PDB file of all heavy atoms in Angstrom:
ATOM      1  N   GLY A   1      79.762 156.674 109.464  1.00  0.00           N
ATOM      2  CA  GLY A   1      81.093 157.247 109.536  1.00  0.00           C
ATOM      3  C   GLY A   1      82.019 156.541 108.559  1.00  0.00           C
ATOM      4  O   GLY A   1      81.569 155.974 107.564  1.00  0.00           O
ATOM      5  N   ALA A   2      83.308 156.573 108.885  1.00  0.00           N
ATOM      6  CA  ALA A   2      84.316 156.003 107.980  1.00  0.00           C
ATOM      7  C   ALA A   2      85.438 155.368 108.776  1.00  0.00           C
ATOM      8  O   ALA A   2      85.723 155.771 109.910  1.00  0.00           O
ATOM      9  CB  ALA A   2      84.884 157.090 107.078  1.00  0.00           C
ATOM     10  N   ILE A   3      86.074 154.390 108.142  1.00  0.00           N
ATOM     11  CA  ILE A   3      87.282 153.785 108.706  1.00  0.00           C
ATOM     12  C   ILE A   3      88.269 153.579 107.567  1.00  0.00           C
ATOM     13  O   ILE A   3      87.885 153.206 106.457  1.00  0.00           O
ATOM     14  CB  ILE A   3      86.984 152.471 109.465  1.00  0.00           C
ATOM     15  CG1 ILE A   3      88.237 151.965 110.188  1.00  0.00           C
ATOM     16  CG2 ILE A   3      86.364 151.426 108.550  1.00  0.00           C
ATOM     17  CD1 ILE A   3      87.952 150.925 111.262  1.00  0.00           C
ATOM     18  N   GLU A   4      89.519 153.864 107.859  1.00  0.00           N
ATOM     19  CA  GLU A   4      90.577 153.831 106.847  1.00  0.00           C
ATOM     20  C   GLU A   4      91.698 152.910 107.301  1.00  0.00           C
ATOM     21  O   GLU A   4      92.054 152.872 108.479  1.00  0.00           O
ATOM     22  CB  GLU A   4      91.124 155.246 106.674  1.00  0.00           C
ATOM     23  CG  GLU A   4      92.358 155.348 105.826  1.00  0.00           C
ATOM     24  CD  GLU A   4      92.866 156.785 105.707  1.00  0.00           C
ATOM     25  OE1 GLU A   4      92.327 157.696 106.357  1.00  0.00           O
ATOM     26  OE2 GLU A   4      93.828 156.980 104.955  1.00  0.00           O
ATOM     27  N   LEU A   5      92.256 152.181 106.357  1.00  0.00           N
ATOM     28  CA  LEU A   5      93.459 151.387 106.584  1.00  0.00           C
ATOM     29  C   LEU A   5      94.519 151.904 105.625  1.00  0.00           C
ATOM     30  O   LEU A   5      94.397 151.754 104.410  1.00  0.00           O
ATOM     31  CB  LEU A   5      93.193 149.898 106.342  1.00  0.00           C
ATOM     32  CG  LEU A   5      94.357 148.948 106.565  1.00  0.00           C
ATOM     33  CD1 LEU A   5      94.880 149.021 108.007  1.00  0.00           C
ATOM     34  CD2 LEU A   5      93.953 147.521 106.219  1.00  0.00           C
ATOM     35  N   ARG A   6      95.526 152.563 106.183  1.00  0.00           N
ATOM     36  CA  ARG A   6      96.668 153.046 105.384  1.00  0.00           C
ATOM     37  C   ARG A   6      97.718 151.948 105.355  1.00  0.00           C
ATOM     38  O   ARG A   6      97.953 151.276 106.349  1.00  0.00           O
ATOM     39  CB  ARG A   6      97.284 154.291 106.008  1.00  0.00           C
ATOM     40  CG  ARG A   6      96.463 155.506 105.813  1.00  0.00           C
ATOM     41  CD  ARG A   6      97.226 156.755 106.272  1.00  0.00           C
ATOM     42  NE  ARG A   6      96.429 157.925 106.006  1.00  0.00           N
ATOM     43  CZ  ARG A   6      96.529 158.664 104.921  1.00  0.00           C
ATOM     44  NH1 ARG A   6      97.421 158.356 104.003  1.00  0.00           N
ATOM     45  NH2 ARG A   6      95.756 159.711 104.737  1.00  0.00           N
ATOM     46  N   PHE A   7      98.356 151.818 104.194  1.00  0.00           N
ATOM     47  CA  PHE A   7      99.372 150.781 104.030  1.00  0.00           C
ATOM     48  C   PHE A   7     100.768 151.387 104.016  1.00  0.00           C
ATOM     49  O   PHE A   7     101.030 152.316 103.262  1.00  0.00           O
ATOM     50  CB  PHE A   7      99.156 150.030 102.710  1.00  0.00           C
ATOM     51  CG  PHE A   7      97.861 149.283 102.658  1.00  0.00           C
ATOM     52  CD1 PHE A   7      96.768 149.805 101.979  1.00  0.00           C
ATOM     53  CD2 PHE A   7      97.723 148.061 103.289  1.00  0.00           C
ATOM     54  CE1 PHE A   7      95.566 149.119 101.925  1.00  0.00           C
ATOM     55  CE2 PHE A   7      96.530 147.366 103.239  1.00  0.00           C
ATOM     56  CZ  PHE A   7      95.445 147.902 102.559  1.00  0.00           C
ATOM     57  N   HIS A   8     101.625 150.862 104.853  1.00  0.00           N
ATOM     58  CA  HIS A   8     103.061 151.151 104.815  1.00  0.00           C
ATOM     59  C   HIS A   8     103.702 149.848 104.344  1.00  0.00           C
ATOM     60  O   HIS A   8     104.208 149.055 105.143  1.00  0.00           O
ATOM     61  CB  HIS A   8     103.569 151.578 106.199  1.00  0.00           C
ATOM     62  CG  HIS A   8     102.809 152.734 106.770  1.00  0.00           C
ATOM     63  ND1 HIS A   8     102.949 154.020 106.295  1.00  0.00           N
ATOM     64  CD2 HIS A   8     101.873 152.799 107.752  1.00  0.00           C
ATOM     65  CE1 HIS A   8     102.158 154.829 106.980  1.00  0.00           C
ATOM     66  NE2 HIS A   8     101.484 154.113 107.859  1.00  0.00           N
ATOM     67  N   THR A   9     103.623 149.619 103.042  1.00  0.00           N
ATOM     68  CA  THR A   9     103.913 148.301 102.491  1.00  0.00           C
ATOM     69  C   THR A   9     105.350 147.858 102.655  1.00  0.00           C
ATOM     70  O   THR A   9     105.604 146.663 102.789  1.00  0.00           O
ATOM     71  CB  THR A   9     103.524 148.240 101.001  1.00  0.00           C
ATOM     72  OG1 THR A   9     104.106 149.343 100.319  1.00  0.00           O
ATOM     73  CG2 THR A   9     102.022 148.280 100.825  1.00  0.00           C
ATOM     74  N   ALA A  10     106.290 148.766 102.659  1.00  0.00           N
ATOM     75  CA  ALA A  10     107.689 148.359 102.811  1.00  0.00           C
ATOM     76  C   ALA A  10     107.913 147.650 104.142  1.00  0.00           C
ATOM     77  O   ALA A  10     108.779 146.778 104.247  1.00  0.00           O
ATOM     78  CB  ALA A  10     108.613 149.573 102.694  1.00  0.00           C
ATOM     79  N   ARG A  11     107.106 148.001 105.135  1.00  0.00           N
ATOM     80  CA  ARG A  11     107.245 147.382 106.461  1.00  0.00           C
ATOM     81  C   ARG A  11     106.117 146.408 106.772  1.00  0.00           C
ATOM     82  O   ARG A  11     106.060 145.864 107.874  1.00  0.00           O
ATOM     83  CB  ARG A  11     107.287 148.478 107.535  1.00  0.00           C
ATOM     84  CG  ARG A  11     108.476 149.400 107.375  1.00  0.00           C
ATOM     85  CD  ARG A  11     108.469 150.497 108.423  1.00  0.00           C
ATOM     86  NE  ARG A  11     107.319 151.374 108.195  1.00  0.00           N
ATOM     87  CZ  ARG A  11     106.678 152.032 109.146  1.00  0.00           C
ATOM     88  NH1 ARG A  11     107.046 151.937 110.392  1.00  0.00           N
ATOM     89  NH2 ARG A  11     105.651 152.794 108.853  1.00  0.00           N
ATOM     90  N   HIS A  12     105.176 146.223 105.839  1.00  0.00           N
ATOM     91  CA  HIS A  12     104.009 145.370 106.063  1.00  0.00           C
ATOM     92  C   HIS A  12     103.211 145.817 107.290  1.00  0.00           C
ATOM     93  O   HIS A  12     102.752 145.003 108.085  1.00  0.00           O
ATOM     94  CB  HIS A  12     104.405 143.888 106.192  1.00  0.00           C
ATOM     95  CG  HIS A  12     105.054 143.346 104.976  1.00  0.00           C
ATOM     96  ND1 HIS A  12     104.345 142.964 103.866  1.00  0.00           N
ATOM     97  CD2 HIS A  12     106.367 143.151 104.664  1.00  0.00           C
ATOM     98  CE1 HIS A  12     105.178 142.543 102.936  1.00  0.00           C
ATOM     99  NE2 HIS A  12     106.405 142.652 103.389  1.00  0.00           N
ATOM    100  N   VAL A  13     103.062 147.134 107.415  1.00  0.00           N
ATOM    101  CA  VAL A  13     102.364 147.731 108.543  1.00  0.00           C
ATOM    102  C   VAL A  13     101.162 148.506 108.021  1.00  0.00           C
ATOM    103  O   VAL A  13     101.230 149.144 106.964  1.00  0.00           O
ATOM    104  CB  VAL A  13     103.301 148.674 109.338  1.00  0.00           C
ATOM    105  CG1 VAL A  13     102.557 149.441 110.420  1.00  0.00           C
ATOM    106  CG2 VAL A  13     104.444 147.875 109.947  1.00  0.00           C
ATOM    107  N   GLY A  14     100.091 148.470 108.763  1.00  0.00           N
ATOM    108  CA  GLY A  14      98.920 149.266 108.454  1.00  0.00           C
ATOM    109  C   GLY A  14      98.626 150.219 109.594  1.00  0.00           C
ATOM    110  O   GLY A  14      99.068 150.009 110.724  1.00  0.00           O
ATOM    111  N   GLU A  15      97.890 151.267 109.277  1.00  0.00           N
ATOM    112  CA  GLU A  15      97.491 152.228 110.299  1.00  0.00           C
ATOM    113  C   GLU A  15      96.011 152.544 110.129  1.00  0.00           C
ATOM    114  O   GLU A  15      95.551 152.835 109.027  1.00  0.00           O
ATOM    115  CB  GLU A  15      98.313 153.506 110.182  1.00  0.00           C
ATOM    116  CG  GLU A  15      98.019 154.501 111.267  1.00  0.00           C
ATOM    117  CD  GLU A  15      98.952 155.697 111.235  1.00  0.00           C
ATOM    118  OE1 GLU A  15      99.914 155.710 110.424  1.00  0.00           O
ATOM    119  OE2 GLU A  15      98.730 156.626 112.027  1.00  0.00           O
ATOM    120  N   LEU A  16      95.264 152.463 111.230  1.00  0.00           N
ATOM    121  CA  LEU A  16      93.841 152.752 111.213  1.00  0.00           C
ATOM    122  C   LEU A  16      93.579 154.228 111.477  1.00  0.00           C
ATOM    123  O   LEU A  16      94.249 154.852 112.303  1.00  0.00           O
ATOM    124  CB  LEU A  16      93.107 151.962 112.299  1.00  0.00           C
ATOM    125  CG  LEU A  16      92.952 150.466 112.122  1.00  0.00           C
ATOM    126  CD1 LEU A  16      92.232 149.879 113.337  1.00  0.00           C
ATOM    127  CD2 LEU A  16      92.196 150.133 110.862  1.00  0.00           C
ATOM    128  N   GLY A  17      92.587 154.751 110.809  1.00  0.00           N
ATOM    129  CA  GLY A  17      92.029 156.066 111.094  1.00  0.00           C
ATOM    130  C   GLY A  17      90.526 155.924 110.994  1.00  0.00           C
ATOM    131  O   GLY A  17      90.022 155.084 110.236  1.00  0.00           O
ATOM    132  N   TYR A  18      89.777 156.723 111.734  1.00  0.00           N
ATOM    133  CA  TYR A  18      88.336 156.522 111.749  1.00  0.00           C
ATOM    134  C   TYR A  18      87.614 157.723 112.334  1.00  0.00           C
ATOM    135  O   TYR A  18      88.195 158.540 113.039  1.00  0.00           O
ATOM    136  CB  TYR A  18      87.965 155.277 112.562  1.00  0.00           C
ATOM    137  CG  TYR A  18      88.793 155.113 113.822  1.00  0.00           C
ATOM    138  CD1 TYR A  18      88.467 155.792 114.985  1.00  0.00           C
ATOM    139  CD2 TYR A  18      89.906 154.288 113.839  1.00  0.00           C
ATOM    140  CE1 TYR A  18      89.228 155.648 116.134  1.00  0.00           C
ATOM    141  CE2 TYR A  18      90.677 154.144 114.974  1.00  0.00           C
ATOM    142  CZ  TYR A  18      90.322 154.832 116.127  1.00  0.00           C
ATOM    143  OH  TYR A  18      91.078 154.707 117.260  1.00  0.00           O
ATOM    144  N   TRP A  19      86.336 157.812 112.003  1.00  0.00           N
ATOM    145  CA  TRP A  19      85.444 158.781 112.632  1.00  0.00           C
ATOM    146  C   TRP A  19      84.015 158.272 112.521  1.00  0.00           C
ATOM    147  O   TRP A  19      83.679 157.518 111.617  1.00  0.00           O
ATOM    148  CB  TRP A  19      85.577 160.179 112.014  1.00  0.00           C
ATOM    149  CG  TRP A  19      85.177 160.288 110.570  1.00  0.00           C
ATOM    150  CD1 TRP A  19      85.999 160.120 109.474  1.00  0.00           C
ATOM    151  CD2 TRP A  19      83.868 160.550 110.050  1.00  0.00           C
ATOM    152  NE1 TRP A  19      85.275 160.270 108.325  1.00  0.00           N
ATOM    153  CE2 TRP A  19      83.961 160.548 108.643  1.00  0.00           C
ATOM    154  CE3 TRP A  19      82.629 160.810 110.630  1.00  0.00           C
ATOM    155  CZ2 TRP A  19      82.870 160.772 107.815  1.00  0.00           C
ATOM    156  CZ3 TRP A  19      81.539 161.037 109.800  1.00  0.00           C
ATOM    157  CH2 TRP A  19      81.672 161.023 108.416  1.00  0.00           C
ATOM    158  N   LEU A  20      83.205 158.681 113.469  1.00  0.00           N
ATOM    159  CA  LEU A  20      81.783 158.365 113.467  1.00  0.00           C
ATOM    160  C   LEU A  20      80.991 159.636 113.700  1.00  0.00           C
ATOM    161  O   LEU A  20      81.440 160.524 114.445  1.00  0.00           O
ATOM    162  CB  LEU A  20      81.420 157.400 114.600  1.00  0.00           C
ATOM    163  CG  LEU A  20      81.654 155.919 114.427  1.00  0.00           C
ATOM    164  CD1 LEU A  20      81.293 155.184 115.708  1.00  0.00           C
ATOM    165  CD2 LEU A  20      80.867 155.361 113.258  1.00  0.00           C
ATOM    166  N   GLY A  21      79.806 159.704 113.132  1.00  0.00           N
ATOM    167  CA  GLY A  21      78.894 160.772 113.467  1.00  0.00           C
ATOM    168  C   GLY A  21      78.558 160.697 114.948  1.00  0.00           C
ATOM    169  O   GLY A  21      78.496 159.603 115.540  1.00  0.00           O
ATOM    170  N   LYS A  22      78.365 161.834 115.562  1.00  0.00           N
ATOM    171  CA  LYS A  22      78.186 161.902 117.014  1.00  0.00           C
ATOM    172  C   LYS A  22      77.035 161.038 117.526  1.00  0.00           C
ATOM    173  O   LYS A  22      77.128 160.464 118.612  1.00  0.00           O
ATOM    174  CB  LYS A  22      77.994 163.355 117.443  1.00  0.00           C
ATOM    175  CG  LYS A  22      78.066 163.543 118.925  1.00  0.00           C
ATOM    176  CD  LYS A  22      78.042 165.005 119.297  1.00  0.00           C
ATOM    177  CE  LYS A  22      78.102 165.143 120.815  1.00  0.00           C
ATOM    178  NZ  LYS A  22      77.995 166.538 121.209  1.00  0.00           N
ATOM    179  N   ALA A  23      75.971 160.911 116.775  1.00  0.00           N
ATOM    180  CA  ALA A  23      74.826 160.111 117.204  1.00  0.00           C
ATOM    181  C   ALA A  23      75.180 158.639 117.417  1.00  0.00           C
ATOM    182  O   ALA A  23      74.441 157.913 118.094  1.00  0.00           O
ATOM    183  CB  ALA A  23      73.693 160.220 116.183  1.00  0.00           C
ATOM    184  N   PHE A  24      76.312 158.212 116.879  1.00  0.00           N
ATOM    185  CA  PHE A  24      76.698 156.802 116.948  1.00  0.00           C
ATOM    186  C   PHE A  24      77.804 156.527 117.963  1.00  0.00           C
ATOM    187  O   PHE A  24      78.262 155.389 118.085  1.00  0.00           O
ATOM    188  CB  PHE A  24      77.120 156.327 115.551  1.00  0.00           C
ATOM    189  CG  PHE A  24      76.059 156.554 114.521  1.00  0.00           C
ATOM    190  CD1 PHE A  24      76.180 157.588 113.603  1.00  0.00           C
ATOM    191  CD2 PHE A  24      74.918 155.771 114.486  1.00  0.00           C
ATOM    192  CE1 PHE A  24      75.203 157.821 112.654  1.00  0.00           C
ATOM    193  CE2 PHE A  24      73.927 155.997 113.546  1.00  0.00           C
ATOM    194  CZ  PHE A  24      74.066 157.025 112.630  1.00  0.00           C
ATOM    195  N   TRP A  25      78.256 157.541 118.668  1.00  0.00           N
ATOM    196  CA  TRP A  25      79.327 157.370 119.653  1.00  0.00           C
ATOM    197  C   TRP A  25      78.854 156.525 120.837  1.00  0.00           C
ATOM    198  O   TRP A  25      77.681 156.523 121.211  1.00  0.00           O
ATOM    199  CB  TRP A  25      79.785 158.724 120.173  1.00  0.00           C
ATOM    200  CG  TRP A  25      80.508 159.586 119.171  1.00  0.00           C
ATOM    201  CD1 TRP A  25      80.726 159.325 117.850  1.00  0.00           C
ATOM    202  CD2 TRP A  25      81.078 160.865 119.415  1.00  0.00           C
ATOM    203  NE1 TRP A  25      81.407 160.359 117.258  1.00  0.00           N
ATOM    204  CE2 TRP A  25      81.628 161.327 118.199  1.00  0.00           C
ATOM    205  CE3 TRP A  25      81.165 161.688 120.533  1.00  0.00           C
ATOM    206  CZ2 TRP A  25      82.278 162.550 118.075  1.00  0.00           C
ATOM    207  CZ3 TRP A  25      81.805 162.906 120.418  1.00  0.00           C
ATOM    208  CH2 TRP A  25      82.361 163.332 119.201  1.00  0.00           C
ATOM    209  N   GLY A  26      79.811 155.813 121.435  1.00  0.00           N
ATOM    210  CA  GLY A  26      79.566 155.107 122.686  1.00  0.00           C
ATOM    211  C   GLY A  26      78.728 153.848 122.581  1.00  0.00           C
ATOM    212  O   GLY A  26      78.213 153.368 123.587  1.00  0.00           O
ATOM    213  N   GLN A  27      78.602 153.290 121.385  1.00  0.00           N
ATOM    214  CA  GLN A  27      77.767 152.096 121.208  1.00  0.00           C
ATOM    215  C   GLN A  27      78.556 150.895 120.704  1.00  0.00           C
ATOM    216  O   GLN A  27      77.979 149.877 120.333  1.00  0.00           O
ATOM    217  CB  GLN A  27      76.621 152.429 120.241  1.00  0.00           C
ATOM    218  CG  GLN A  27      75.733 153.551 120.777  1.00  0.00           C
ATOM    219  CD  GLN A  27      74.705 153.982 119.762  1.00  0.00           C
ATOM    220  OE1 GLN A  27      73.912 153.153 119.311  1.00  0.00           O
ATOM    221  NE2 GLN A  27      74.712 155.243 119.398  1.00  0.00           N
ATOM    222  N   GLY A  28      79.890 151.013 120.653  1.00  0.00           N
ATOM    223  CA  GLY A  28      80.737 149.902 120.245  1.00  0.00           C
ATOM    224  C   GLY A  28      80.854 149.694 118.749  1.00  0.00           C
ATOM    225  O   GLY A  28      81.457 148.714 118.307  1.00  0.00           O
ATOM    226  N   TYR A  29      80.304 150.603 117.952  1.00  0.00           N
ATOM    227  CA  TYR A  29      80.362 150.436 116.503  1.00  0.00           C
ATOM    228  C   TYR A  29      81.794 150.488 115.965  1.00  0.00           C
ATOM    229  O   TYR A  29      82.163 149.709 115.091  1.00  0.00           O
ATOM    230  CB  TYR A  29      79.530 151.498 115.782  1.00  0.00           C
ATOM    231  CG  TYR A  29      78.045 151.354 115.990  1.00  0.00           C
ATOM    232  CD1 TYR A  29      77.306 152.394 116.536  1.00  0.00           C
ATOM    233  CD2 TYR A  29      77.362 150.191 115.617  1.00  0.00           C
ATOM    234  CE1 TYR A  29      75.934 152.285 116.710  1.00  0.00           C
ATOM    235  CE2 TYR A  29      75.999 150.069 115.794  1.00  0.00           C
ATOM    236  CZ  TYR A  29      75.290 151.125 116.342  1.00  0.00           C
ATOM    237  OH  TYR A  29      73.942 151.009 116.512  1.00  0.00           O
ATOM    238  N   MET A  30      82.583 151.415 116.478  1.00  0.00           N
ATOM    239  CA  MET A  30      83.938 151.540 115.939  1.00  0.00           C
ATOM    240  C   MET A  30      84.799 150.342 116.316  1.00  0.00           C
ATOM    241  O   MET A  30      85.616 149.898 115.516  1.00  0.00           O
ATOM    242  CB  MET A  30      84.594 152.848 116.393  1.00  0.00           C
ATOM    243  CG  MET A  30      85.854 153.146 115.615  1.00  0.00           C
ATOM    244  SD  MET A  30      85.664 153.082 113.805  1.00  0.00           S
ATOM    245  CE  MET A  30      84.651 154.523 113.528  1.00  0.00           C
ATOM    246  N   THR A  31      84.617 149.815 117.500  1.00  0.00           N
ATOM    247  CA  THR A  31      85.354 148.600 117.876  1.00  0.00           C
ATOM    248  C   THR A  31      85.018 147.475 116.911  1.00  0.00           C
ATOM    249  O   THR A  31      85.905 146.763 116.424  1.00  0.00           O
ATOM    250  CB  THR A  31      85.009 148.191 119.320  1.00  0.00           C
ATOM    251  OG1 THR A  31      85.403 149.246 120.196  1.00  0.00           O
ATOM    252  CG2 THR A  31      85.709 146.899 119.716  1.00  0.00           C
ATOM    253  N   GLU A  32      83.747 147.337 116.593  1.00  0.00           N
ATOM    254  CA  GLU A  32      83.300 146.293 115.663  1.00  0.00           C
ATOM    255  C   GLU A  32      83.875 146.513 114.266  1.00  0.00           C
ATOM    256  O   GLU A  32      84.361 145.571 113.622  1.00  0.00           O
ATOM    257  CB  GLU A  32      81.766 146.307 115.627  1.00  0.00           C
ATOM    258  CG  GLU A  32      81.131 145.107 115.016  1.00  0.00           C
ATOM    259  CD  GLU A  32      79.629 145.089 115.226  1.00  0.00           C
ATOM    260  OE1 GLU A  32      79.135 145.501 116.300  1.00  0.00           O
ATOM    261  OE2 GLU A  32      78.935 144.645 114.287  1.00  0.00           O
ATOM    262  N   ALA A  33      83.848 147.755 113.805  1.00  0.00           N
ATOM    263  CA  ALA A  33      84.395 148.068 112.482  1.00  0.00           C
ATOM    264  C   ALA A  33      85.905 147.836 112.452  1.00  0.00           C
ATOM    265  O   ALA A  33      86.435 147.265 111.491  1.00  0.00           O
ATOM    266  CB  ALA A  33      84.068 149.513 112.107  1.00  0.00           C
ATOM    267  N   ALA A  34      86.595 148.265 113.496  1.00  0.00           N
ATOM    268  CA  ALA A  34      88.053 148.108 113.556  1.00  0.00           C
ATOM    269  C   ALA A  34      88.439 146.639 113.552  1.00  0.00           C
ATOM    270  O   ALA A  34      89.418 146.248 112.898  1.00  0.00           O
ATOM    271  CB  ALA A  34      88.613 148.819 114.783  1.00  0.00           C
ATOM    272  N   GLN A  35      87.708 145.809 114.250  1.00  0.00           N
ATOM    273  CA  GLN A  35      88.013 144.375 114.259  1.00  0.00           C
ATOM    274  C   GLN A  35      87.888 143.781 112.859  1.00  0.00           C
ATOM    275  O   GLN A  35      88.722 142.972 112.445  1.00  0.00           O
ATOM    276  CB  GLN A  35      87.103 143.641 115.249  1.00  0.00           C
ATOM    277  CG  GLN A  35      87.448 143.949 116.691  1.00  0.00           C
ATOM    278  CD  GLN A  35      86.426 143.407 117.679  1.00  0.00           C
ATOM    279  OE1 GLN A  35      85.293 143.101 117.330  1.00  0.00           O
ATOM    280  NE2 GLN A  35      86.835 143.315 118.938  1.00  0.00           N
ATOM    281  N   ALA A  36      86.867 144.200 112.125  1.00  0.00           N
ATOM    282  CA  ALA A  36      86.688 143.693 110.763  1.00  0.00           C
ATOM    283  C   ALA A  36      87.808 144.150 109.839  1.00  0.00           C
ATOM    284  O   ALA A  36      88.329 143.368 109.040  1.00  0.00           O
ATOM    285  CB  ALA A  36      85.329 144.140 110.208  1.00  0.00           C
ATOM    286  N   VAL A  37      88.191 145.411 109.946  1.00  0.00           N
ATOM    287  CA  VAL A  37      89.261 145.936 109.094  1.00  0.00           C
ATOM    288  C   VAL A  37      90.603 145.306 109.461  1.00  0.00           C
ATOM    289  O   VAL A  37      91.399 144.979 108.584  1.00  0.00           O
ATOM    290  CB  VAL A  37      89.303 147.473 109.153  1.00  0.00           C
ATOM    291  CG1 VAL A  37      90.540 148.027 108.469  1.00  0.00           C
ATOM    292  CG2 VAL A  37      88.041 148.048 108.522  1.00  0.00           C
ATOM    293  N   MET A  38      90.851 145.112 110.754  1.00  0.00           N
ATOM    294  CA  MET A  38      92.108 144.461 111.151  1.00  0.00           C
ATOM    295  C   MET A  38      92.159 143.021 110.652  1.00  0.00           C
ATOM    296  O   MET A  38      93.202 142.568 110.176  1.00  0.00           O
ATOM    297  CB  MET A  38      92.296 144.534 112.665  1.00  0.00           C
ATOM    298  CG  MET A  38      92.637 145.940 113.125  1.00  0.00           C
ATOM    299  SD  MET A  38      93.135 146.067 114.859  1.00  0.00           S
ATOM    300  CE  MET A  38      91.723 145.417 115.702  1.00  0.00           C
ATOM    301  N   ALA A  39      91.048 142.307 110.736  1.00  0.00           N
ATOM    302  CA  ALA A  39      91.019 140.930 110.216  1.00  0.00           C
ATOM    303  C   ALA A  39      91.333 140.939 108.724  1.00  0.00           C
ATOM    304  O   ALA A  39      92.121 140.110 108.242  1.00  0.00           O
ATOM    305  CB  ALA A  39      89.656 140.294 110.487  1.00  0.00           C
ATOM    306  N   TYR A  40      90.763 141.873 107.985  1.00  0.00           N
ATOM    307  CA  TYR A  40      91.067 141.993 106.565  1.00  0.00           C
ATOM    308  C   TYR A  40      92.552 142.295 106.364  1.00  0.00           C
ATOM    309  O   TYR A  40      93.218 141.682 105.521  1.00  0.00           O
ATOM    310  CB  TYR A  40      90.209 143.093 105.916  1.00  0.00           C
ATOM    311  CG  TYR A  40      90.647 143.382 104.510  1.00  0.00           C
ATOM    312  CD1 TYR A  40      90.240 142.576 103.456  1.00  0.00           C
ATOM    313  CD2 TYR A  40      91.525 144.429 104.239  1.00  0.00           C
ATOM    314  CE1 TYR A  40      90.681 142.811 102.163  1.00  0.00           C
ATOM    315  CE2 TYR A  40      91.963 144.674 102.955  1.00  0.00           C
ATOM    316  CZ  TYR A  40      91.543 143.860 101.919  1.00  0.00           C
ATOM    317  OH  TYR A  40      91.995 144.095 100.654  1.00  0.00           O
ATOM    318  N   GLY A  41      93.082 143.229 107.126  1.00  0.00           N
ATOM    319  CA  GLY A  41      94.483 143.617 106.981  1.00  0.00           C
ATOM    320  C   GLY A  41      95.448 142.463 107.205  1.00  0.00           C
ATOM    321  O   GLY A  41      96.420 142.295 106.460  1.00  0.00           O
ATOM    322  N   PHE A  42      95.172 141.657 108.213  1.00  0.00           N
ATOM    323  CA  PHE A  42      96.055 140.531 108.507  1.00  0.00           C
ATOM    324  C   PHE A  42      95.831 139.363 107.550  1.00  0.00           C
ATOM    325  O   PHE A  42      96.795 138.782 107.049  1.00  0.00           O
ATOM    326  CB  PHE A  42      95.869 140.063 109.951  1.00  0.00           C
ATOM    327  CG  PHE A  42      96.394 141.038 110.975  1.00  0.00           C
ATOM    328  CD1 PHE A  42      95.585 141.472 112.017  1.00  0.00           C
ATOM    329  CD2 PHE A  42      97.685 141.533 110.907  1.00  0.00           C
ATOM    330  CE1 PHE A  42      96.059 142.364 112.962  1.00  0.00           C
ATOM    331  CE2 PHE A  42      98.169 142.431 111.843  1.00  0.00           C
ATOM    332  CZ  PHE A  42      97.347 142.842 112.878  1.00  0.00           C
ATOM    333  N   ARG A  43      94.592 139.022 107.289  1.00  0.00           N
ATOM    334  CA  ARG A  43      94.295 137.834 106.482  1.00  0.00           C
ATOM    335  C   ARG A  43      94.434 138.055 104.988  1.00  0.00           C
ATOM    336  O   ARG A  43      94.897 137.169 104.268  1.00  0.00           O
ATOM    337  CB  ARG A  43      92.884 137.338 106.787  1.00  0.00           C
ATOM    338  CG  ARG A  43      92.739 136.797 108.175  1.00  0.00           C
ATOM    339  CD  ARG A  43      91.340 136.255 108.406  1.00  0.00           C
ATOM    340  NE  ARG A  43      91.157 135.953 109.814  1.00  0.00           N
ATOM    341  CZ  ARG A  43      90.060 136.224 110.498  1.00  0.00           C
ATOM    342  NH1 ARG A  43      89.015 136.762 109.914  1.00  0.00           N
ATOM    343  NH2 ARG A  43      89.992 135.928 111.776  1.00  0.00           N
TER     344      ARG A  43
END
């Protein structure tokens, strides 16, 4: 699937968007991906 981090730079804010193929739902993959992207966004 995909995960996106949109930048609202004037406010130093990001927004996540994401999707996974149905075969991958319910296995915690998106939580894991979101944590990595958020760490990147903050750090």
